[in-house]
Amino acid sequence: MLRNRLPLVFILLLAAGAGRAADETGFDALFDGESLDGWILLGGTGDGYLARNGTLACPPGGGGNLLSAAEYSDFVLRFEFKLEDGSNNGLCIRCPLGWSDMAYAGIELQIIDNRSERYKNIKPWQKHGSLYHVFPARVGYLKPAGEWNAQEVVAKGSKIKVVLNGETILDVDTHTMKDRRILAKHPGLNRKSGHIGFLGHNEPVAFRNIRIKRLD
């Protein structure tokens, strides 16, 4: 009986593997695992960012705005990241190429260890996955510091979705924001294209398997 079942199990495993491979169709690597080719560092501090052991690392005391040389409009971005206790960074999308506060000039999605005691009093819109100062994300899906997390960001028109470790933590339409004070402070919400990058704040964070698929 066991011998008769083995071919079916094998076929199911192949089908599952094929499904996973199909999910990556059309994706291009943003990070080659060895260098910062294709990236531009603005306002770097300390060692800025380092390519080492297949990871893109913001070391302790490092940071700055590390932006993709290419611009993107609508896309699916996938990457993995690992935080340490109290780590703080940011993912900018559709950002201009220039030294400015990307949280306002572009769109910043929080990358932060909000499980840390040091951040116990931060605002809901400062927690991981949130669209900074505009839309708060759902919490409770970050893995403990020192473990790798998987994240997907989908930007299509005015709709932004963030999936963390398989759970949707943010799914918003920026056009629904009607608060004039917020809109005046965030001209980046109206940007239709721009650069993708990481916004370091002198705290250690590591990234790997960074890839993107254009939807436009």
N, C-alpha and C. Protein backbone atom coordinates (compact mmCIF):
# COMPACT_ATOMS: atom_id res chain seq x y z
N MET A 1 0.83 -1.22 0.00
CA MET A 1 0.00 0.00 0.00
C MET A 1 0.86 1.27 0.00
N LEU A 2 1.93 1.25 0.77
CA LEU A 2 2.79 2.43 0.85
C LEU A 2 3.44 2.72 -0.50
N ARG A 3 3.86 1.63 -1.20
CA ARG A 3 4.49 1.83 -2.50
C ARG A 3 3.53 2.47 -3.48
N ASN A 4 2.24 2.14 -3.40
CA ASN A 4 1.25 2.70 -4.31
C ASN A 4 1.01 4.19 -4.05
N ARG A 5 1.25 4.62 -2.80
CA ARG A 5 0.96 6.01 -2.46
C ARG A 5 2.15 6.94 -2.77
N LEU A 6 3.33 6.40 -2.84
CA LEU A 6 4.50 7.25 -3.03
C LEU A 6 4.43 8.11 -4.28
N PRO A 7 4.03 7.58 -5.44
CA PRO A 7 3.96 8.44 -6.62
C PRO A 7 3.03 9.62 -6.45
N LEU A 8 1.88 9.41 -5.77
CA LEU A 8 0.94 10.51 -5.56
C LEU A 8 1.55 11.57 -4.66
N VAL A 9 2.22 11.15 -3.60
CA VAL A 9 2.86 12.10 -2.70
C VAL A 9 3.91 12.90 -3.45
N PHE A 10 4.68 12.19 -4.29
CA PHE A 10 5.73 12.85 -5.05
C PHE A 10 5.15 13.89 -6.00
N ILE A 11 4.04 13.53 -6.62
CA ILE A 11 3.38 14.46 -7.55
C ILE A 11 2.87 15.69 -6.81
N LEU A 12 2.31 15.48 -5.62
CA LEU A 12 1.81 16.62 -4.84
C LEU A 12 2.94 17.55 -4.43
N LEU A 13 4.08 16.97 -4.06
CA LEU A 13 5.23 17.80 -3.68
C LEU A 13 5.74 18.61 -4.86
N LEU A 14 5.77 17.96 -6.03
CA LEU A 14 6.19 18.69 -7.23
C LEU A 14 5.24 19.84 -7.54
N ALA A 15 3.94 19.58 -7.39
CA ALA A 15 2.95 20.62 -7.66
C ALA A 15 3.11 21.79 -6.71
N ALA A 16 3.36 21.47 -5.43
CA ALA A 16 3.55 22.54 -4.44
C ALA A 16 4.78 23.37 -4.79
N GLY A 17 5.87 22.69 -5.19
CA GLY A 17 7.09 23.41 -5.56
C GLY A 17 6.88 24.27 -6.78
N ALA A 18 6.13 23.75 -7.75
CA ALA A 18 5.85 24.52 -8.96
C ALA A 18 5.04 25.75 -8.64
N GLY A 19 4.10 25.64 -7.67
CA GLY A 19 3.29 26.79 -7.27
C GLY A 19 4.13 27.87 -6.66
N ARG A 20 5.11 27.47 -5.81
CA ARG A 20 5.98 28.45 -5.19
C ARG A 20 6.84 29.16 -6.24
N ALA A 21 7.34 28.36 -7.20
CA ALA A 21 8.18 28.95 -8.24
C ALA A 21 7.37 29.93 -9.09
N ALA A 22 6.11 29.59 -9.38
CA ALA A 22 5.27 30.45 -10.21
C ALA A 22 5.03 31.79 -9.52
N ASP A 23 4.98 31.79 -8.20
CA ASP A 23 4.75 33.02 -7.46
C ASP A 23 5.86 34.04 -7.69
N GLU A 24 7.04 33.58 -8.09
CA GLU A 24 8.17 34.48 -8.28
C GLU A 24 8.36 34.90 -9.73
N THR A 25 7.47 34.47 -10.60
CA THR A 25 7.58 34.83 -12.01
C THR A 25 7.51 36.35 -12.19
N GLY A 26 8.46 36.87 -12.95
CA GLY A 26 8.46 38.30 -13.24
C GLY A 26 9.21 39.15 -12.24
N PHE A 27 9.75 38.54 -11.20
CA PHE A 27 10.49 39.30 -10.19
C PHE A 27 11.95 39.45 -10.59
N ASP A 28 12.50 40.62 -10.31
CA ASP A 28 13.92 40.89 -10.54
C ASP A 28 14.58 41.22 -9.21
N ALA A 29 15.83 40.78 -9.05
CA ALA A 29 16.56 41.05 -7.82
C ALA A 29 16.93 42.53 -7.75
N LEU A 30 16.70 43.14 -6.60
CA LEU A 30 17.14 44.51 -6.37
C LEU A 30 18.51 44.54 -5.70
N PHE A 31 18.89 43.43 -5.07
CA PHE A 31 20.16 43.34 -4.36
C PHE A 31 20.85 42.06 -4.79
N ASP A 32 22.11 42.18 -5.25
CA ASP A 32 22.81 41.01 -5.78
C ASP A 32 23.47 40.16 -4.71
N GLY A 33 23.37 40.59 -3.46
CA GLY A 33 23.93 39.81 -2.36
C GLY A 33 25.41 40.05 -2.11
N GLU A 34 26.06 40.84 -2.98
CA GLU A 34 27.50 41.00 -2.89
C GLU A 34 27.96 42.46 -2.89
N SER A 35 27.14 43.35 -3.42
CA SER A 35 27.58 44.74 -3.58
C SER A 35 26.39 45.68 -3.48
N LEU A 36 26.69 46.97 -3.53
CA LEU A 36 25.63 47.99 -3.52
C LEU A 36 25.39 48.53 -4.92
N ASP A 37 25.74 47.73 -5.94
CA ASP A 37 25.46 48.12 -7.31
C ASP A 37 23.96 48.30 -7.49
N GLY A 38 23.57 49.40 -8.13
CA GLY A 38 22.15 49.67 -8.34
C GLY A 38 21.52 50.45 -7.21
N TRP A 39 22.34 50.88 -6.25
CA TRP A 39 21.84 51.65 -5.11
C TRP A 39 22.60 52.96 -4.99
N ILE A 40 21.95 53.96 -4.43
CA ILE A 40 22.55 55.28 -4.22
C ILE A 40 22.36 55.67 -2.76
N LEU A 41 23.46 55.96 -2.06
CA LEU A 41 23.39 56.35 -0.65
C LEU A 41 23.43 57.86 -0.52
N LEU A 42 22.45 58.42 0.15
CA LEU A 42 22.38 59.85 0.40
C LEU A 42 22.39 60.11 1.91
N GLY A 43 23.20 61.07 2.32
CA GLY A 43 23.25 61.43 3.73
C GLY A 43 23.72 60.31 4.62
N GLY A 44 24.67 59.53 4.15
CA GLY A 44 25.13 58.37 4.91
C GLY A 44 25.77 58.76 6.23
N THR A 45 25.58 57.91 7.23
CA THR A 45 26.22 58.09 8.53
C THR A 45 26.99 56.82 8.87
N GLY A 46 28.08 56.96 9.58
CA GLY A 46 28.88 55.80 9.94
C GLY A 46 29.30 55.02 8.70
N ASP A 47 29.09 53.70 8.75
CA ASP A 47 29.41 52.85 7.60
C ASP A 47 28.28 52.79 6.58
N GLY A 48 27.24 53.58 6.78
CA GLY A 48 26.12 53.58 5.84
C GLY A 48 25.45 52.22 5.82
N TYR A 49 25.55 51.53 4.69
CA TYR A 49 25.03 50.17 4.53
C TYR A 49 26.14 49.29 3.99
N LEU A 50 26.14 48.02 4.37
CA LEU A 50 27.17 47.08 3.95
C LEU A 50 26.55 45.86 3.29
N ALA A 51 27.20 45.38 2.24
CA ALA A 51 26.82 44.12 1.62
C ALA A 51 27.74 43.05 2.18
N ARG A 52 27.18 42.11 2.93
CA ARG A 52 28.02 41.08 3.53
C ARG A 52 27.21 39.82 3.78
N ASN A 53 27.84 38.68 3.42
CA ASN A 53 27.24 37.36 3.63
C ASN A 53 25.82 37.26 3.06
N GLY A 54 25.62 37.86 1.89
CA GLY A 54 24.32 37.78 1.24
C GLY A 54 23.26 38.70 1.80
N THR A 55 23.65 39.57 2.73
CA THR A 55 22.67 40.49 3.32
C THR A 55 23.05 41.94 3.03
N LEU A 56 22.05 42.78 3.03
CA LEU A 56 22.23 44.22 2.96
C LEU A 56 22.02 44.72 4.38
N ALA A 57 23.10 45.16 5.02
CA ALA A 57 23.04 45.45 6.45
C ALA A 57 23.25 46.92 6.74
N CYS A 58 22.41 47.44 7.62
CA CYS A 58 22.64 48.75 8.21
C CYS A 58 23.27 48.45 9.57
N PRO A 59 24.57 48.70 9.74
CA PRO A 59 25.24 48.34 10.99
C PRO A 59 24.94 49.35 12.10
N PRO A 60 25.25 49.01 13.34
CA PRO A 60 25.08 49.98 14.42
C PRO A 60 25.82 51.27 14.11
N GLY A 61 25.14 52.39 14.24
CA GLY A 61 25.74 53.68 13.95
C GLY A 61 25.73 54.05 12.48
N GLY A 62 25.25 53.14 11.63
CA GLY A 62 25.19 53.40 10.20
C GLY A 62 23.81 53.87 9.78
N GLY A 63 23.69 54.20 8.51
CA GLY A 63 22.38 54.60 8.02
C GLY A 63 22.47 55.62 6.90
N GLY A 64 21.41 56.37 6.74
CA GLY A 64 21.25 57.27 5.61
C GLY A 64 20.13 56.75 4.73
N ASN A 65 19.87 57.44 3.65
CA ASN A 65 18.83 57.00 2.70
C ASN A 65 19.49 56.23 1.58
N LEU A 66 19.27 54.92 1.54
CA LEU A 66 19.81 54.07 0.49
C LEU A 66 18.70 53.81 -0.52
N LEU A 67 18.81 54.42 -1.70
CA LEU A 67 17.73 54.39 -2.69
C LEU A 67 18.12 53.59 -3.92
N SER A 68 17.13 52.94 -4.51
CA SER A 68 17.35 52.23 -5.76
C SER A 68 17.66 53.25 -6.86
N ALA A 69 18.56 52.87 -7.76
CA ALA A 69 18.87 53.76 -8.87
C ALA A 69 17.68 53.87 -9.83
N ALA A 70 16.91 52.79 -9.92
CA ALA A 70 15.74 52.76 -10.81
C ALA A 70 14.51 53.29 -10.09
N GLU A 71 13.56 53.77 -10.88
CA GLU A 71 12.28 54.24 -10.34
C GLU A 71 11.19 53.21 -10.63
N TYR A 72 10.19 53.21 -9.77
CA TYR A 72 9.08 52.26 -9.90
C TYR A 72 7.77 52.97 -9.62
N SER A 73 6.73 52.53 -10.30
CA SER A 73 5.39 53.08 -10.12
C SER A 73 4.53 52.08 -9.37
N ASP A 74 3.91 51.15 -10.09
CA ASP A 74 3.12 50.08 -9.47
C ASP A 74 3.99 48.83 -9.43
N PHE A 75 3.99 48.13 -8.31
CA PHE A 75 4.91 47.01 -8.15
C PHE A 75 4.51 46.10 -6.99
N VAL A 76 5.16 44.94 -6.96
CA VAL A 76 5.14 44.06 -5.80
C VAL A 76 6.59 43.93 -5.34
N LEU A 77 6.86 44.27 -4.11
CA LEU A 77 8.20 44.19 -3.54
C LEU A 77 8.20 43.12 -2.46
N ARG A 78 9.19 42.23 -2.52
CA ARG A 78 9.33 41.20 -1.50
C ARG A 78 10.74 41.23 -0.94
N PHE A 79 10.84 41.03 0.36
CA PHE A 79 12.16 40.99 0.99
C PHE A 79 12.03 40.33 2.36
N GLU A 80 13.17 40.00 2.93
CA GLU A 80 13.22 39.49 4.29
C GLU A 80 14.06 40.47 5.11
N PHE A 81 13.76 40.58 6.37
CA PHE A 81 14.51 41.48 7.24
C PHE A 81 14.64 40.89 8.63
N LYS A 82 15.70 41.29 9.30
CA LYS A 82 15.95 40.83 10.67
C LYS A 82 16.27 42.03 11.55
N LEU A 83 15.56 42.15 12.64
CA LEU A 83 15.75 43.25 13.58
C LEU A 83 16.51 42.78 14.80
N GLU A 84 17.13 43.73 15.47
CA GLU A 84 17.66 43.50 16.80
C GLU A 84 16.81 44.30 17.77
N ASP A 85 17.01 44.09 19.04
CA ASP A 85 16.18 44.80 20.02
C ASP A 85 16.31 46.31 19.83
N GLY A 86 15.20 46.96 19.56
CA GLY A 86 15.19 48.41 19.40
C GLY A 86 15.55 48.89 18.01
N SER A 87 15.67 47.99 17.04
CA SER A 87 16.01 48.41 15.67
C SER A 87 14.95 49.35 15.10
N ASN A 88 15.41 50.28 14.27
CA ASN A 88 14.51 51.25 13.65
C ASN A 88 15.04 51.61 12.27
N ASN A 89 14.21 51.46 11.26
CA ASN A 89 14.56 51.77 9.88
C ASN A 89 13.27 52.18 9.18
N GLY A 90 13.30 52.28 7.90
CA GLY A 90 12.08 52.61 7.16
C GLY A 90 12.21 52.16 5.73
N LEU A 91 11.09 51.83 5.13
CA LEU A 91 11.05 51.48 3.71
C LEU A 91 10.38 52.63 2.97
N CYS A 92 11.12 53.28 2.06
CA CYS A 92 10.49 54.35 1.29
C CYS A 92 10.10 53.81 -0.08
N ILE A 93 8.94 54.22 -0.54
CA ILE A 93 8.47 53.86 -1.87
C ILE A 93 8.04 55.14 -2.60
N ARG A 94 8.22 55.13 -3.92
CA ARG A 94 7.90 56.29 -4.75
C ARG A 94 8.54 57.57 -4.22
N CYS A 95 9.79 57.45 -3.79
CA CYS A 95 10.47 58.59 -3.19
C CYS A 95 11.30 59.35 -4.21
N PRO A 96 11.46 60.66 -4.02
CA PRO A 96 12.31 61.44 -4.92
C PRO A 96 13.77 61.13 -4.65
N LEU A 97 14.61 61.39 -5.64
CA LEU A 97 16.04 61.19 -5.47
C LEU A 97 16.66 62.50 -5.01
N GLY A 98 16.90 62.58 -3.73
CA GLY A 98 17.44 63.81 -3.16
C GLY A 98 17.41 63.68 -1.65
N TRP A 99 18.20 64.48 -0.98
CA TRP A 99 18.23 64.39 0.47
C TRP A 99 17.07 65.19 1.05
N SER A 100 16.11 64.48 1.59
CA SER A 100 14.95 65.13 2.21
C SER A 100 14.33 64.14 3.17
N ASP A 101 13.32 64.56 3.89
CA ASP A 101 12.63 63.67 4.81
C ASP A 101 11.65 62.84 4.01
N MET A 102 12.02 61.62 3.70
CA MET A 102 11.23 60.78 2.81
C MET A 102 9.87 60.41 3.39
N ALA A 103 9.72 60.52 4.70
CA ALA A 103 8.41 60.23 5.30
C ALA A 103 7.35 61.18 4.80
N TYR A 104 7.77 62.33 4.30
CA TYR A 104 6.83 63.34 3.82
C TYR A 104 6.98 63.59 2.31
N ALA A 105 8.22 63.61 1.82
CA ALA A 105 8.45 63.85 0.40
C ALA A 105 8.06 62.64 -0.44
N GLY A 106 8.11 61.47 0.18
CA GLY A 106 7.69 60.23 -0.46
C GLY A 106 6.69 59.52 0.43
N ILE A 107 6.78 58.21 0.45
CA ILE A 107 5.94 57.40 1.34
C ILE A 107 6.86 56.51 2.16
N GLU A 108 6.76 56.57 3.47
CA GLU A 108 7.58 55.72 4.33
C GLU A 108 6.72 54.70 5.05
N LEU A 109 7.10 53.44 4.93
CA LEU A 109 6.48 52.35 5.67
C LEU A 109 7.44 51.94 6.77
N GLN A 110 6.97 51.90 7.98
CA GLN A 110 7.82 51.67 9.14
C GLN A 110 8.46 50.28 9.14
N ILE A 111 9.74 50.25 9.50
CA ILE A 111 10.44 49.01 9.82
C ILE A 111 11.03 49.22 11.20
N ILE A 112 10.43 48.62 12.20
CA ILE A 112 10.80 48.94 13.58
C ILE A 112 10.45 47.79 14.51
N ASP A 113 11.29 47.60 15.50
CA ASP A 113 11.04 46.56 16.51
C ASP A 113 10.13 47.13 17.59
N ASN A 114 8.85 47.29 17.25
CA ASN A 114 7.93 47.89 18.23
C ASN A 114 7.60 46.95 19.39
N ARG A 115 8.18 45.74 19.39
CA ARG A 115 8.06 44.86 20.55
C ARG A 115 9.02 45.30 21.66
N SER A 116 10.00 46.13 21.30
CA SER A 116 11.02 46.54 22.25
C SER A 116 10.45 47.46 23.32
N GLU A 117 10.96 47.36 24.51
CA GLU A 117 10.52 48.18 25.63
C GLU A 117 10.73 49.67 25.34
N ARG A 118 11.77 49.98 24.58
CA ARG A 118 12.08 51.39 24.33
C ARG A 118 11.01 52.08 23.48
N TYR A 119 10.17 51.30 22.79
CA TYR A 119 9.14 51.87 21.93
C TYR A 119 7.74 51.65 22.48
N LYS A 120 7.62 51.39 23.75
CA LYS A 120 6.31 51.06 24.31
C LYS A 120 5.31 52.21 24.23
N ASN A 121 5.80 53.44 24.08
CA ASN A 121 4.90 54.60 24.07
C ASN A 121 4.78 55.26 22.70
N ILE A 122 5.23 54.59 21.64
CA ILE A 122 5.12 55.22 20.32
C ILE A 122 3.67 55.22 19.83
N LYS A 123 3.40 56.06 18.86
CA LYS A 123 2.05 56.18 18.29
C LYS A 123 1.72 54.95 17.45
N PRO A 124 0.43 54.63 17.28
CA PRO A 124 0.05 53.49 16.44
C PRO A 124 0.61 53.58 15.03
N TRP A 125 0.68 54.80 14.46
CA TRP A 125 1.17 54.96 13.10
C TRP A 125 2.70 54.94 13.01
N GLN A 126 3.37 54.72 14.15
CA GLN A 126 4.82 54.55 14.15
C GLN A 126 5.22 53.07 14.20
N LYS A 127 4.27 52.20 14.37
CA LYS A 127 4.60 50.78 14.53
C LYS A 127 4.84 50.11 13.19
N HIS A 128 5.46 48.94 13.25
CA HIS A 128 5.94 48.28 12.04
C HIS A 128 4.84 48.12 10.99
N GLY A 129 5.20 48.46 9.75
CA GLY A 129 4.29 48.31 8.63
C GLY A 129 3.38 49.49 8.41
N SER A 130 3.34 50.41 9.35
CA SER A 130 2.46 51.58 9.22
C SER A 130 2.97 52.54 8.15
N LEU A 131 2.03 53.23 7.53
CA LEU A 131 2.38 54.33 6.63
C LEU A 131 2.58 55.53 7.55
N TYR A 132 3.82 55.92 7.72
CA TYR A 132 4.20 56.85 8.78
C TYR A 132 3.33 58.10 8.84
N HIS A 133 2.77 58.33 10.04
CA HIS A 133 2.00 59.53 10.36
C HIS A 133 0.64 59.59 9.66
N VAL A 134 0.31 58.53 8.90
CA VAL A 134 -0.93 58.57 8.13
C VAL A 134 -1.86 57.40 8.47
N PHE A 135 -1.40 56.17 8.26
CA PHE A 135 -2.23 55.00 8.49
C PHE A 135 -1.51 53.99 9.38
N PRO A 136 -2.09 53.59 10.51
CA PRO A 136 -1.46 52.58 11.36
C PRO A 136 -1.67 51.17 10.82
N ALA A 137 -0.70 50.31 11.07
CA ALA A 137 -0.79 48.91 10.67
C ALA A 137 -1.25 48.05 11.85
N ARG A 138 -1.74 46.86 11.54
CA ARG A 138 -2.06 45.88 12.57
C ARG A 138 -0.76 45.38 13.19
N VAL A 139 -0.82 45.07 14.47
CA VAL A 139 0.40 44.62 15.17
C VAL A 139 0.22 43.18 15.66
N GLY A 140 1.35 42.60 16.06
CA GLY A 140 1.31 41.26 16.64
C GLY A 140 1.86 40.18 15.72
N TYR A 141 2.43 40.58 14.57
CA TYR A 141 2.89 39.58 13.60
C TYR A 141 4.40 39.62 13.35
N LEU A 142 5.10 40.51 14.05
CA LEU A 142 6.55 40.54 13.97
C LEU A 142 7.13 39.35 14.72
N LYS A 143 8.18 38.74 14.17
CA LYS A 143 8.88 37.69 14.89
C LYS A 143 9.84 38.33 15.89
N PRO A 144 10.25 37.59 16.91
CA PRO A 144 11.17 38.15 17.90
C PRO A 144 12.46 38.66 17.27
N ALA A 145 13.07 39.62 17.92
CA ALA A 145 14.35 40.16 17.45
C ALA A 145 15.34 39.02 17.25
N GLY A 146 16.09 39.10 16.14
CA GLY A 146 17.06 38.07 15.83
C GLY A 146 16.55 37.02 14.86
N GLU A 147 15.24 37.03 14.56
CA GLU A 147 14.67 36.09 13.60
C GLU A 147 14.30 36.81 12.31
N TRP A 148 14.34 36.07 11.20
CA TRP A 148 14.02 36.65 9.90
C TRP A 148 12.51 36.75 9.70
N ASN A 149 12.08 37.88 9.20
CA ASN A 149 10.69 38.13 8.82
C ASN A 149 10.60 38.22 7.30
N ALA A 150 9.45 37.83 6.75
CA ALA A 150 9.20 37.96 5.32
C ALA A 150 8.11 39.01 5.10
N GLN A 151 8.36 39.94 4.19
CA GLN A 151 7.40 41.02 3.96
C GLN A 151 7.17 41.22 2.46
N GLU A 152 5.92 41.55 2.14
CA GLU A 152 5.54 41.89 0.77
C GLU A 152 4.82 43.22 0.80
N VAL A 153 5.16 44.08 -0.14
CA VAL A 153 4.50 45.37 -0.28
C VAL A 153 3.96 45.46 -1.71
N VAL A 154 2.66 45.74 -1.82
CA VAL A 154 2.03 45.90 -3.12
C VAL A 154 1.57 47.35 -3.25
N ALA A 155 2.06 48.03 -4.28
CA ALA A 155 1.64 49.41 -4.54
C ALA A 155 0.99 49.44 -5.92
N LYS A 156 -0.27 49.79 -5.95
CA LYS A 156 -1.00 49.85 -7.22
C LYS A 156 -1.90 51.07 -7.18
N GLY A 157 -1.51 52.08 -7.95
CA GLY A 157 -2.24 53.33 -7.87
C GLY A 157 -2.15 53.91 -6.48
N SER A 158 -3.28 54.28 -5.93
CA SER A 158 -3.30 54.86 -4.59
C SER A 158 -3.43 53.81 -3.49
N LYS A 159 -3.45 52.54 -3.87
CA LYS A 159 -3.62 51.46 -2.89
C LYS A 159 -2.28 50.87 -2.49
N ILE A 160 -2.08 50.75 -1.18
CA ILE A 160 -0.84 50.23 -0.61
C ILE A 160 -1.20 49.08 0.34
N LYS A 161 -0.57 47.94 0.12
CA LYS A 161 -0.82 46.78 0.99
C LYS A 161 0.50 46.23 1.50
N VAL A 162 0.54 45.89 2.79
CA VAL A 162 1.72 45.29 3.41
C VAL A 162 1.33 43.95 4.02
N VAL A 163 2.05 42.92 3.63
CA VAL A 163 1.82 41.57 4.17
C VAL A 163 3.08 41.16 4.92
N LEU A 164 2.93 40.87 6.20
CA LEU A 164 4.05 40.49 7.06
C LEU A 164 3.89 39.06 7.52
N ASN A 165 4.85 38.22 7.17
CA ASN A 165 4.82 36.81 7.58
C ASN A 165 3.48 36.15 7.26
N GLY A 166 2.94 36.49 6.08
CA GLY A 166 1.71 35.88 5.60
C GLY A 166 0.43 36.55 6.07
N GLU A 167 0.54 37.60 6.88
CA GLU A 167 -0.64 38.30 7.40
C GLU A 167 -0.69 39.73 6.86
N THR A 168 -1.85 40.12 6.34
CA THR A 168 -2.01 41.49 5.86
C THR A 168 -2.13 42.42 7.05
N ILE A 169 -1.18 43.33 7.19
CA ILE A 169 -1.18 44.25 8.33
C ILE A 169 -1.55 45.68 7.93
N LEU A 170 -1.52 45.95 6.62
CA LEU A 170 -1.92 47.27 6.14
C LEU A 170 -2.54 47.10 4.76
N ASP A 171 -3.69 47.70 4.55
CA ASP A 171 -4.36 47.64 3.25
C ASP A 171 -5.18 48.92 3.13
N VAL A 172 -4.59 49.93 2.51
CA VAL A 172 -5.20 51.26 2.52
C VAL A 172 -5.22 51.87 1.13
N ASP A 173 -6.06 52.86 0.99
CA ASP A 173 -6.13 53.68 -0.21
C ASP A 173 -5.80 55.11 0.23
N THR A 174 -4.69 55.65 -0.25
CA THR A 174 -4.27 56.97 0.21
C THR A 174 -5.27 58.06 -0.15
N HIS A 175 -6.11 57.80 -1.16
CA HIS A 175 -7.12 58.79 -1.55
C HIS A 175 -8.22 58.94 -0.49
N THR A 176 -8.28 58.00 0.45
CA THR A 176 -9.30 58.11 1.50
C THR A 176 -8.88 59.08 2.60
N MET A 177 -7.61 59.49 2.60
CA MET A 177 -7.17 60.45 3.60
C MET A 177 -7.67 61.84 3.21
N LYS A 178 -8.51 62.42 4.05
CA LYS A 178 -9.11 63.71 3.76
C LYS A 178 -8.66 64.81 4.72
N ASP A 179 -7.87 64.45 5.73
CA ASP A 179 -7.40 65.45 6.69
C ASP A 179 -6.45 66.42 5.98
N ARG A 180 -6.83 67.67 5.88
CA ARG A 180 -6.06 68.65 5.12
C ARG A 180 -4.69 68.89 5.73
N ARG A 181 -4.59 68.79 7.05
CA ARG A 181 -3.30 69.02 7.70
C ARG A 181 -2.31 67.91 7.33
N ILE A 182 -2.79 66.67 7.31
CA ILE A 182 -1.93 65.55 6.94
C ILE A 182 -1.56 65.63 5.46
N LEU A 183 -2.53 65.94 4.62
CA LEU A 183 -2.26 66.04 3.19
C LEU A 183 -1.25 67.14 2.88
N ALA A 184 -1.34 68.25 3.60
CA ALA A 184 -0.41 69.35 3.39
C ALA A 184 1.01 68.96 3.79
N LYS A 185 1.10 68.12 4.81
CA LYS A 185 2.42 67.70 5.32
C LYS A 185 3.01 66.56 4.52
N HIS A 186 2.18 65.84 3.76
CA HIS A 186 2.63 64.64 3.04
C HIS A 186 2.37 64.77 1.53
N PRO A 187 3.09 65.63 0.84
CA PRO A 187 2.92 65.72 -0.61
C PRO A 187 3.29 64.41 -1.31
N GLY A 188 4.11 63.59 -0.65
CA GLY A 188 4.52 62.32 -1.24
C GLY A 188 3.37 61.35 -1.47
N LEU A 189 2.26 61.54 -0.78
CA LEU A 189 1.11 60.66 -0.98
C LEU A 189 0.57 60.75 -2.40
N ASN A 190 0.85 61.84 -3.08
CA ASN A 190 0.34 62.04 -4.44
C ASN A 190 1.33 61.60 -5.51
N ARG A 191 2.52 61.15 -5.10
CA ARG A 191 3.50 60.72 -6.09
C ARG A 191 3.06 59.42 -6.74
N LYS A 192 3.26 59.33 -8.04
CA LYS A 192 2.85 58.13 -8.78
C LYS A 192 4.02 57.20 -9.08
N SER A 193 5.24 57.68 -8.91
CA SER A 193 6.42 56.85 -9.13
C SER A 193 7.59 57.44 -8.36
N GLY A 194 8.66 56.67 -8.28
CA GLY A 194 9.84 57.14 -7.57
C GLY A 194 10.75 55.97 -7.21
N HIS A 195 11.67 56.25 -6.32
CA HIS A 195 12.67 55.26 -5.94
C HIS A 195 12.22 54.47 -4.72
N ILE A 196 12.81 53.30 -4.56
CA ILE A 196 12.56 52.44 -3.41
C ILE A 196 13.83 52.44 -2.57
N GLY A 197 13.71 52.45 -1.28
CA GLY A 197 14.93 52.45 -0.48
C GLY A 197 14.69 52.22 0.99
N PHE A 198 15.80 52.20 1.71
CA PHE A 198 15.78 51.99 3.15
C PHE A 198 16.31 53.23 3.85
N LEU A 199 15.63 53.61 4.91
CA LEU A 199 15.92 54.85 5.61
C LEU A 199 16.50 54.52 6.98
N GLY A 200 17.83 54.51 7.05
CA GLY A 200 18.49 54.08 8.28
C GLY A 200 18.52 55.15 9.35
N HIS A 201 18.40 54.68 10.60
CA HIS A 201 18.38 55.60 11.75
C HIS A 201 19.43 55.19 12.77
N ASN A 202 20.61 54.76 12.28
CA ASN A 202 21.73 54.39 13.17
C ASN A 202 21.46 53.15 14.01
N GLU A 203 20.48 52.37 13.62
CA GLU A 203 20.16 51.13 14.33
C GLU A 203 20.37 49.95 13.41
N PRO A 204 20.83 48.80 13.94
CA PRO A 204 21.13 47.64 13.09
C PRO A 204 19.89 46.94 12.54
N VAL A 205 19.89 46.74 11.23
CA VAL A 205 18.85 45.98 10.53
C VAL A 205 19.53 45.26 9.37
N ALA A 206 19.11 44.03 9.09
CA ALA A 206 19.65 43.28 7.95
C ALA A 206 18.52 42.92 7.00
N PHE A 207 18.80 42.99 5.70
CA PHE A 207 17.84 42.64 4.66
C PHE A 207 18.45 41.59 3.73
N ARG A 208 17.59 40.78 3.13
CA ARG A 208 18.07 39.83 2.13
C ARG A 208 16.91 39.47 1.19
N ASN A 209 17.28 38.80 0.09
CA ASN A 209 16.27 38.34 -0.89
C ASN A 209 15.33 39.47 -1.32
N ILE A 210 15.90 40.60 -1.66
CA ILE A 210 15.10 41.77 -2.07
C ILE A 210 14.82 41.66 -3.56
N ARG A 211 13.57 41.55 -3.91
CA ARG A 211 13.20 41.43 -5.33
C ARG A 211 11.91 42.18 -5.59
N ILE A 212 11.71 42.53 -6.87
CA ILE A 212 10.57 43.38 -7.22
C ILE A 212 9.99 42.97 -8.55
N LYS A 213 8.70 43.17 -8.68
CA LYS A 213 7.99 42.87 -9.92
C LYS A 213 7.18 44.11 -10.30
N ARG A 214 7.43 44.62 -11.49
CA ARG A 214 6.68 45.79 -11.96
C ARG A 214 5.26 45.37 -12.35
N LEU A 215 4.30 46.22 -12.01
CA LEU A 215 2.90 45.98 -12.41
C LEU A 215 2.44 46.96 -13.47
N ASP A 216 3.29 47.92 -13.81
CA ASP A 216 2.91 48.94 -14.80
C ASP A 216 3.51 48.62 -16.16
